[in-house]
Amino acid sequence: MLKGLLDLACKLMIDIDTDIDDDWMNPKPGFKLKDEQEEDSVVFALECINRIFHAAGENYVMGPI
């Protein structure tokens, strides 16, 4: 069960939106990339993994990871 939870959290962190709009593909001249904020799903998954570490203990969680 623990391995399944960790797998789901990791998959959530690397989920990529496949819908790319034209603005992203062809930026305007002079466009500078701003610091991107982390996606909500990545933050949520990191919080889940952190809570699992605190609840189950590092030694128990490191095996499945």
Protein backbone atom coordinates (compact mmCIF):
# COMPACT_ATOMS: atom_id res chain seq x y z
CA MET A 1 0.00 0.00 0.00
CA LEU A 2 2.83 2.39 0.84
CA LYS A 3 4.54 1.74 -2.48
CA GLY A 4 1.26 2.46 -4.29
CA LEU A 5 0.88 5.81 -2.51
CA LEU A 6 4.44 6.80 -3.32
CA ASP A 7 4.00 5.77 -6.97
CA LEU A 8 0.86 7.90 -7.28
CA ALA A 9 2.56 10.93 -5.70
CA CYS A 10 5.57 10.62 -8.02
CA LYS A 11 3.34 10.24 -11.10
CA LEU A 12 1.42 13.34 -10.04
CA MET A 13 4.70 15.29 -9.85
CA ILE A 14 5.71 14.44 -13.41
CA ASP A 15 2.30 14.77 -15.05
CA ILE A 16 2.76 16.96 -18.13
CA ASP A 17 0.00 18.85 -19.86
CA THR A 18 0.00 17.79 -23.50
CA ASP A 19 -2.18 20.70 -24.61
CA ILE A 20 0.31 23.35 -25.82
CA ASP A 21 -1.05 26.63 -27.11
CA ASP A 22 0.36 28.75 -29.94
CA ASP A 23 1.58 31.49 -27.57
CA TRP A 24 3.92 29.03 -25.92
CA MET A 25 5.15 27.62 -29.21
CA ASN A 26 5.82 31.03 -30.80
CA PRO A 27 6.76 33.58 -28.14
CA LYS A 28 6.82 37.27 -29.04
CA PRO A 29 10.22 38.86 -29.86
CA GLY A 30 12.01 39.92 -26.69
CA PHE A 31 10.13 37.42 -24.55
CA LYS A 32 11.95 36.55 -21.35
CA LEU A 33 11.02 33.52 -19.31
CA LYS A 34 9.82 34.50 -15.87
CA ASP A 35 10.43 32.33 -12.85
CA GLU A 36 7.73 29.73 -13.17
CA GLN A 37 5.82 28.86 -10.08
CA GLU A 38 5.44 25.21 -9.31
CA GLU A 39 2.22 23.61 -10.43
CA ASP A 40 -0.34 22.92 -7.73
CA SER A 41 -0.08 19.18 -8.40
CA VAL A 42 3.68 19.19 -7.77
CA VAL A 43 3.29 21.07 -4.49
CA PHE A 44 0.49 18.73 -3.42
CA ALA A 45 2.54 15.62 -4.26
CA LEU A 46 5.57 16.93 -2.36
CA GLU A 47 3.38 17.59 0.68
CA CYS A 48 1.99 14.06 0.44
CA ILE A 49 5.44 12.50 0.30
CA ASN A 50 6.58 14.67 3.21
CA ARG A 51 3.60 13.59 5.31
CA ILE A 52 4.19 9.94 4.46
CA PHE A 53 7.83 10.28 5.60
CA HIS A 54 6.76 11.85 8.89
CA ALA A 55 3.95 9.36 9.53
CA ALA A 56 5.69 6.12 8.56
CA GLY A 57 9.28 7.02 9.32
CA GLU A 58 12.25 7.48 7.04
CA ASN A 59 13.62 3.97 7.46
CA TYR A 60 10.29 2.40 6.48
CA VAL A 61 9.71 4.66 3.47
CA MET A 62 13.20 4.56 1.92
CA GLY A 63 12.84 0.89 0.90
CA PRO A 64 9.94 1.41 -1.52
CA ILE A 65 11.47 4.59 -2.91
